PDB file of N, CA and C in Angstrom:
ATOM      1  N   MET A   1       0.851  -1.173   0.000  1.00  0.00           N
ATOM      2  CA  MET A   1       0.000   0.000   0.000  1.00  0.00           C
ATOM      3  C   MET A   1       0.901   1.242   0.000  1.00  0.00           C
ATOM      4  N   HIS A   2       0.463   2.239  -0.702  1.00  0.00           N
ATOM      5  CA  HIS A   2       1.235   3.472  -0.811  1.00  0.00           C
ATOM      6  C   HIS A   2       1.244   4.185   0.547  1.00  0.00           C
ATOM      7  N   PRO A   3       2.385   4.749   0.967  1.00  0.00           N
ATOM      8  CA  PRO A   3       2.480   5.397   2.285  1.00  0.00           C
ATOM      9  C   PRO A   3       1.502   6.560   2.474  1.00  0.00           C
ATOM     10  N   ASP A   4       1.258   7.325   1.429  1.00  0.00           N
ATOM     11  CA  ASP A   4       0.316   8.444   1.554  1.00  0.00           C
ATOM     12  C   ASP A   4      -1.106   7.941   1.779  1.00  0.00           C
ATOM     13  N   LEU A   5      -1.471   6.885   1.074  1.00  0.00           N
ATOM     14  CA  LEU A   5      -2.800   6.298   1.242  1.00  0.00           C
ATOM     15  C   LEU A   5      -2.932   5.701   2.634  1.00  0.00           C
ATOM     16  N   MET A   6      -1.895   5.043   3.109  1.00  0.00           N
ATOM     17  CA  MET A   6      -1.909   4.459   4.446  1.00  0.00           C
ATOM     18  C   MET A   6      -2.032   5.562   5.509  1.00  0.00           C
ATOM     19  N   ARG A   7      -1.306   6.635   5.342  1.00  0.00           N
ATOM     20  CA  ARG A   7      -1.361   7.759   6.284  1.00  0.00           C
ATOM     21  C   ARG A   7      -2.760   8.382   6.279  1.00  0.00           C
ATOM     22  N   SER A   8      -3.344   8.505   5.108  1.00  0.00           N
ATOM     23  CA  SER A   8      -4.688   9.064   4.999  1.00  0.00           C
ATOM     24  C   SER A   8      -5.707   8.176   5.717  1.00  0.00           C
ATOM     25  N   LEU A   9      -5.598   6.878   5.548  1.00  0.00           N
ATOM     26  CA  LEU A   9      -6.511   5.957   6.222  1.00  0.00           C
ATOM     27  C   LEU A   9      -6.319   6.001   7.744  1.00  0.00           C
ATOM     28  N   MET A  10      -5.070   6.094   8.189  1.00  0.00           N
ATOM     29  CA  MET A  10      -4.802   6.182   9.621  1.00  0.00           C
ATOM     30  C   MET A  10      -5.365   7.475  10.209  1.00  0.00           C
ATOM     31  N   ASN A  11      -5.227   8.570   9.468  1.00  0.00           N
ATOM     32  CA  ASN A  11      -5.789   9.844   9.936  1.00  0.00           C
ATOM     33  C   ASN A  11      -7.303   9.794  10.017  1.00  0.00           C
ATOM     34  N   GLN A  12      -7.925   9.162   9.029  1.00  0.00           N
ATOM     35  CA  GLN A  12      -9.376   9.036   9.024  1.00  0.00           C
ATOM     36  C   GLN A  12      -9.833   8.183  10.206  1.00  0.00           C
ATOM     37  N   ARG A  13      -9.148   7.086  10.465  1.00  0.00           N
ATOM     38  CA  ARG A  13      -9.494   6.199  11.581  1.00  0.00           C
ATOM     39  C   ARG A  13      -9.324   6.927  12.914  1.00  0.00           C
ATOM     40  N   ALA A  14      -8.253   7.686  13.058  1.00  0.00           N
ATOM     41  CA  ALA A  14      -8.023   8.438  14.295  1.00  0.00           C
ATOM     42  C   ALA A  14      -9.105   9.496  14.500  1.00  0.00           C
ATOM     43  N   SER A  15      -9.493  10.151  13.414  1.00  0.00           N
ATOM     44  CA  SER A  15     -10.544  11.166  13.500  1.00  0.00           C
ATOM     45  C   SER A  15     -11.876  10.547  13.917  1.00  0.00           C
ATOM     46  N   GLU A  16     -12.188   9.384  13.357  1.00  0.00           N
ATOM     47  CA  GLU A  16     -13.431   8.693  13.722  1.00  0.00           C
ATOM     48  C   GLU A  16     -13.393   8.238  15.176  1.00  0.00           C
ATOM     49  N   SER A  17     -12.235   7.793  15.639  1.00  0.00           N
ATOM     50  CA  SER A  17     -12.103   7.359  17.034  1.00  0.00           C
ATOM     51  C   SER A  17     -12.290   8.537  17.988  1.00  0.00           C
ATOM     52  N   ARG A  18     -11.728   9.685  17.636  1.00  0.00           N
ATOM     53  CA  ARG A  18     -11.909  10.873  18.476  1.00  0.00           C
ATOM     54  C   ARG A  18     -13.366  11.313  18.506  1.00  0.00           C
ATOM     55  N   ALA A  19     -14.043  11.229  17.363  1.00  0.00           N
ATOM     56  CA  ALA A  19     -15.456  11.615  17.319  1.00  0.00           C
ATOM     57  C   ALA A  19     -16.302  10.662  18.161  1.00  0.00           C
ATOM     58  N   THR A  20     -16.008   9.377  18.102  1.00  0.00           N
ATOM     59  CA  THR A  20     -16.744   8.397  18.910  1.00  0.00           C
ATOM     60  C   THR A  20     -16.512   8.645  20.394  1.00  0.00           C
ATOM     61  N   ALA A  21     -15.265   8.912  20.769  1.00  0.00           N
ATOM     62  CA  ALA A  21     -14.952   9.196  22.174  1.00  0.00           C
ATOM     63  C   ALA A  21     -15.649  10.472  22.640  1.00  0.00           C
ATOM     64  N   ARG A  22     -15.695  11.486  21.781  1.00  0.00           N
ATOM     65  CA  ARG A  22     -16.361  12.746  22.128  1.00  0.00           C
ATOM     66  C   ARG A  22     -17.857  12.516  22.331  1.00  0.00           C
ATOM     67  N   ASP A  23     -18.476  11.733  21.456  1.00  0.00           N
ATOM     68  CA  ASP A  23     -19.904  11.434  21.599  1.00  0.00           C
ATOM     69  C   ASP A  23     -20.183  10.650  22.870  1.00  0.00           C
ATOM     70  N   ALA A  24     -19.317   9.688  23.193  1.00  0.00           N
ATOM     71  CA  ALA A  24     -19.497   8.897  24.406  1.00  0.00           C
ATOM     72  C   ALA A  24     -19.360   9.772  25.647  1.00  0.00           C
ATOM     73  N   ARG A  25     -18.390  10.691  25.642  1.00  0.00           N
ATOM     74  CA  ARG A  25     -18.192  11.596  26.766  1.00  0.00           C
ATOM     75  C   ARG A  25     -19.399  12.525  26.925  1.00  0.00           C
ATOM     76  N   LEU A  26     -19.933  13.014  25.816  1.00  0.00           N
ATOM     77  CA  LEU A  26     -21.108  13.876  25.861  1.00  0.00           C
ATOM     78  C   LEU A  26     -22.314  13.125  26.428  1.00  0.00           C
ATOM     79  N   ALA A  27     -22.522  11.897  25.976  1.00  0.00           N
ATOM     80  CA  ALA A  27     -23.642  11.099  26.478  1.00  0.00           C
ATOM     81  C   ALA A  27     -23.486  10.823  27.974  1.00  0.00           C
ATOM     82  N   ARG A  28     -22.268  10.543  28.417  1.00  0.00           N
ATOM     83  CA  ARG A  28     -22.020  10.289  29.838  1.00  0.00           C
ATOM     84  C   ARG A  28     -22.316  11.540  30.659  1.00  0.00           C
ATOM     85  N   ASN A  29     -21.903  12.705  30.167  1.00  0.00           N
ATOM     86  CA  ASN A  29     -22.173  13.954  30.877  1.00  0.00           C
ATOM     87  C   ASN A  29     -23.662  14.266  30.930  1.00  0.00           C
ATOM     88  N   VAL A  30     -24.379  13.974  29.858  1.00  0.00           N
ATOM     89  CA  VAL A  30     -25.829  14.209  29.846  1.00  0.00           C
ATOM     90  C   VAL A  30     -26.518  13.314  30.866  1.00  0.00           C
ATOM     91  N   ARG A  31     -26.114  12.046  30.922  1.00  0.00           N
ATOM     92  CA  ARG A  31     -26.700  11.132  31.912  1.00  0.00           C
ATOM     93  C   ARG A  31     -26.407  11.614  33.329  1.00  0.00           C
ATOM     94  N   LYS A  32     -25.192  12.068  33.550  1.00  0.00           N
ATOM     95  CA  LYS A  32     -24.813  12.546  34.883  1.00  0.00           C
ATOM     96  C   LYS A  32     -25.623  13.775  35.270  1.00  0.00           C
ATOM     97  N   LEU A  33     -25.794  14.708  34.333  1.00  0.00           N
ATOM     98  CA  LEU A  33     -26.572  15.917  34.622  1.00  0.00           C
ATOM     99  C   LEU A  33     -28.034  15.603  34.879  1.00  0.00           C
ATOM    100  N   ARG A  34     -28.598  14.683  34.110  1.00  0.00           N
ATOM    101  CA  ARG A  34     -29.999  14.297  34.348  1.00  0.00           C
ATOM    102  C   ARG A  34     -30.163  13.654  35.717  1.00  0.00           C
ATOM    103  N   ARG A  35     -29.194  12.835  36.125  1.00  0.00           N
ATOM    104  CA  ARG A  35     -29.252  12.210  37.443  1.00  0.00           C
ATOM    105  C   ARG A  35     -29.180  13.278  38.526  1.00  0.00           C
ATOM    106  N   ILE A  36     -28.302  14.264  38.362  1.00  0.00           N
ATOM    107  CA  ILE A  36     -28.184  15.344  39.343  1.00  0.00           C
ATOM    108  C   ILE A  36     -29.466  16.162  39.397  1.00  0.00           C
ATOM    109  N   GLU A  37     -30.042  16.484  38.239  1.00  0.00           N
ATOM    110  CA  GLU A  37     -31.296  17.243  38.215  1.00  0.00           C
ATOM    111  C   GLU A  37     -32.409  16.469  38.911  1.00  0.00           C
ATOM    112  N   ARG A  38     -32.471  15.157  38.679  1.00  0.00           N
ATOM    113  CA  ARG A  38     -33.495  14.339  39.315  1.00  0.00           C
ATOM    114  C   ARG A  38     -33.304  14.324  40.828  1.00  0.00           C
ATOM    115  N   ASP A  39     -32.064  14.176  41.272  1.00  0.00           N
ATOM    116  CA  ASP A  39     -31.797  14.163  42.711  1.00  0.00           C
ATOM    117  C   ASP A  39     -32.120  15.508  43.350  1.00  0.00           C
ATOM    118  N   LEU A  40     -31.783  16.597  42.680  1.00  0.00           N
ATOM    119  CA  LEU A  40     -32.105  17.924  43.215  1.00  0.00           C
ATOM    120  C   LEU A  40     -33.606  18.160  43.263  1.00  0.00           C
ATOM    121  N   ALA A  41     -34.320  17.655  42.269  1.00  0.00           N
ATOM    122  CA  ALA A  41     -35.782  17.807  42.270  1.00  0.00           C
ATOM    123  C   ALA A  41     -36.391  17.040  43.437  1.00  0.00           C
ATOM    124  N   GLU A  42     -35.850  15.856  43.726  1.00  0.00           N
ATOM    125  CA  GLU A  42     -36.356  15.081  44.862  1.00  0.00           C
ATOM    126  C   GLU A  42     -36.081  15.800  46.177  1.00  0.00           C
ATOM    127  N   ILE A  43     -34.901  16.395  46.284  1.00  0.00           N
ATOM    128  CA  ILE A  43     -34.560  17.130  47.508  1.00  0.00           C
ATOM    129  C   ILE A  43     -35.459  18.353  47.649  1.00  0.00           C
ATOM    130  N   ALA A  44     -35.701  19.049  46.542  1.00  0.00           N
ATOM    131  CA  ALA A  44     -36.547  20.247  46.590  1.00  0.00           C
ATOM    132  C   ALA A  44     -37.978  19.890  46.971  1.00  0.00           C
ATOM    133  N   ASP A  45     -38.451  18.717  46.558  1.00  0.00           N
ATOM    134  CA  ASP A  45     -39.809  18.307  46.899  1.00  0.00           C
ATOM    135  C   ASP A  45     -39.931  17.944  48.372  1.00  0.00           C
ATOM    136  N   THR A  46     -38.883  17.410  48.956  1.00  0.00           N
ATOM    137  CA  THR A  46     -38.978  16.935  50.339  1.00  0.00           C
ATOM    138  C   THR A  46     -38.712  18.033  51.354  1.00  0.00           C
ATOM    139  N   SER A  47     -37.883  19.001  51.043  1.00  0.00           N
ATOM    140  CA  SER A  47     -37.555  20.034  52.027  1.00  0.00           C
ATOM    141  C   SER A  47     -37.968  21.400  51.488  1.00  0.00           C
ATOM    142  N   ALA A  48     -39.072  21.895  51.998  1.00  0.00           N
ATOM    143  CA  ALA A  48     -39.570  23.201  51.571  1.00  0.00           C
ATOM    144  C   ALA A  48     -39.209  24.229  52.637  1.00  0.00           C
ATOM    145  N   VAL A  49     -38.594  25.295  52.234  1.00  0.00           N
ATOM    146  CA  VAL A  49     -38.230  26.381  53.136  1.00  0.00           C
ATOM    147  C   VAL A  49     -39.365  27.399  53.108  1.00  0.00           C
ATOM    148  N   PRO A  50     -39.937  27.691  54.265  1.00  0.00           N
ATOM    149  CA  PRO A  50     -41.039  28.658  54.270  1.00  0.00           C
ATOM    150  C   PRO A  50     -40.520  30.057  53.957  1.00  0.00           C
ATOM    151  N   LEU A  51     -41.303  30.800  53.219  1.00  0.00           N
ATOM    152  CA  LEU A  51     -40.947  32.170  52.891  1.00  0.00           C
ATOM    153  C   LEU A  51     -41.186  33.057  54.106  1.00  0.00           C
ATOM    154  N   ILE A  52     -40.275  33.977  54.351  1.00  0.00           N
ATOM    155  CA  ILE A  52     -40.418  34.911  55.463  1.00  0.00           C
ATOM    156  C   ILE A  52     -41.064  36.180  54.922  1.00  0.00           C
ATOM    157  N   PRO A  53     -42.229  36.526  55.416  1.00  0.00           N
ATOM    158  CA  PRO A  53     -42.887  37.733  54.918  1.00  0.00           C
ATOM    159  C   PRO A  53     -42.057  38.978  55.232  1.00  0.00           C
ATOM    160  N   ASP A  54     -42.233  40.003  54.437  1.00  0.00           N
ATOM    161  CA  ASP A  54     -41.466  41.229  54.570  1.00  0.00           C
ATOM    162  C   ASP A  54     -41.772  41.942  55.878  1.00  0.00           C
ATOM    163  N   TYR A  55     -42.984  41.837  56.358  1.00  0.00           N
ATOM    164  CA  TYR A  55     -43.359  42.579  57.550  1.00  0.00           C
ATOM    165  C   TYR A  55     -42.764  41.966  58.817  1.00  0.00           C
ATOM    166  N   VAL A  56     -42.219  40.775  58.765  1.00  0.00           N
ATOM    167  CA  VAL A  56     -41.676  40.134  59.965  1.00  0.00           C
ATOM    168  C   VAL A  56     -40.381  40.806  60.400  1.00  0.00           C
ATOM    169  N   ASP A  57     -39.454  40.999  59.471  1.00  0.00           N
ATOM    170  CA  ASP A  57     -38.183  41.588  59.873  1.00  0.00           C
ATOM    171  C   ASP A  57     -38.136  43.097  59.641  1.00  0.00           C
ATOM    172  N   GLY A  58     -38.971  43.637  58.794  1.00  0.00           N
ATOM    173  CA  GLY A  58     -39.062  45.078  58.580  1.00  0.00           C
ATOM    174  C   GLY A  58     -37.837  45.699  57.933  1.00  0.00           C
ATOM    175  N   MET A  59     -37.000  44.895  57.305  1.00  0.00           N
ATOM    176  CA  MET A  59     -35.794  45.444  56.690  1.00  0.00           C
ATOM    177  C   MET A  59     -36.098  46.226  55.421  1.00  0.00           C
ATOM    178  N   PHE A  60     -37.097  45.823  54.711  1.00  0.00           N
ATOM    179  CA  PHE A  60     -37.352  46.418  53.414  1.00  0.00           C
ATOM    180  C   PHE A  60     -38.659  47.191  53.440  1.00  0.00           C
ATOM    181  N   GLY A  61     -38.638  48.291  52.713  1.00  0.00           N
ATOM    182  CA  GLY A  61     -39.840  49.096  52.599  1.00  0.00           C
ATOM    183  C   GLY A  61     -40.693  48.586  51.451  1.00  0.00           C
ATOM    184  N   GLU A  62     -41.641  49.383  51.029  1.00  0.00           N
ATOM    185  CA  GLU A  62     -42.523  48.977  49.947  1.00  0.00           C
ATOM    186  C   GLU A  62     -41.806  48.874  48.618  1.00  0.00           C
ATOM    187  N   ALA A  63     -40.761  49.683  48.426  1.00  0.00           N
ATOM    188  CA  ALA A  63     -40.047  49.695  47.151  1.00  0.00           C
ATOM    189  C   ALA A  63     -39.043  48.541  47.062  1.00  0.00           C
ATOM    190  N   GLY A  64     -38.815  47.812  48.161  1.00  0.00           N
ATOM    191  CA  GLY A  64     -37.885  46.708  48.118  1.00  0.00           C
ATOM    192  C   GLY A  64     -36.473  47.085  48.493  1.00  0.00           C
ATOM    193  N   HIS A  65     -36.257  48.340  48.924  1.00  0.00           N
ATOM    194  CA  HIS A  65     -34.933  48.787  49.328  1.00  0.00           C
ATOM    195  C   HIS A  65     -34.881  48.854  50.853  1.00  0.00           C
ATOM    196  N   ALA A  66     -33.693  48.905  51.378  1.00  0.00           N
ATOM    197  CA  ALA A  66     -33.543  49.008  52.825  1.00  0.00           C
ATOM    198  C   ALA A  66     -34.181  50.310  53.316  1.00  0.00           C
ATOM    199  N   SER A  67     -34.778  50.229  54.473  1.00  0.00           N
ATOM    200  CA  SER A  67     -35.460  51.401  55.017  1.00  0.00           C
ATOM    201  C   SER A  67     -34.460  52.503  55.331  1.00  0.00           C
ATOM    202  N   ALA A  68     -34.817  53.713  55.004  1.00  0.00           N
ATOM    203  CA  ALA A  68     -33.936  54.854  55.207  1.00  0.00           C
ATOM    204  C   ALA A  68     -34.160  55.483  56.575  1.00  0.00           C
ATOM    205  N   HIS A  69     -35.202  55.082  57.305  1.00  0.00           N
ATOM    206  CA  HIS A  69     -35.513  55.733  58.560  1.00  0.00           C
ATOM    207  C   HIS A  69     -34.789  55.116  59.745  1.00  0.00           C
ATOM    208  N   HIS A  70     -33.884  54.178  59.518  1.00  0.00           N
ATOM    209  CA  HIS A  70     -33.096  53.616  60.619  1.00  0.00           C
ATOM    210  C   HIS A  70     -31.965  54.601  60.925  1.00  0.00           C
ATOM    211  N   ALA A  71     -32.013  55.186  62.109  1.00  0.00           N
ATOM    212  CA  ALA A  71     -30.987  56.161  62.499  1.00  0.00           C
ATOM    213  C   ALA A  71     -29.864  55.444  63.221  1.00  0.00           C
ATOM    214  N   ALA A  72     -28.664  55.880  62.970  1.00  0.00           N
ATOM    215  CA  ALA A  72     -27.509  55.251  63.606  1.00  0.00           C
ATOM    216  C   ALA A  72     -27.188  55.914  64.922  1.00  0.00           C
TER     217      ALA A  72
END
């Protein structure tokens, strides 16, 4: 076989191997992310943090900014 043809075939094979490895890595990362999202959703469903109404601590006024009437 001619050396240039052999080199071309080797380059093509290496390129295909890299593409297959990249696809496998992407699929593995997608599975991992879906598992993490599922676990976080389960945690969010089981532990609900109650919202603290604004009037309880009085830090914020109606506009949502810190109250200006606190004197130092």
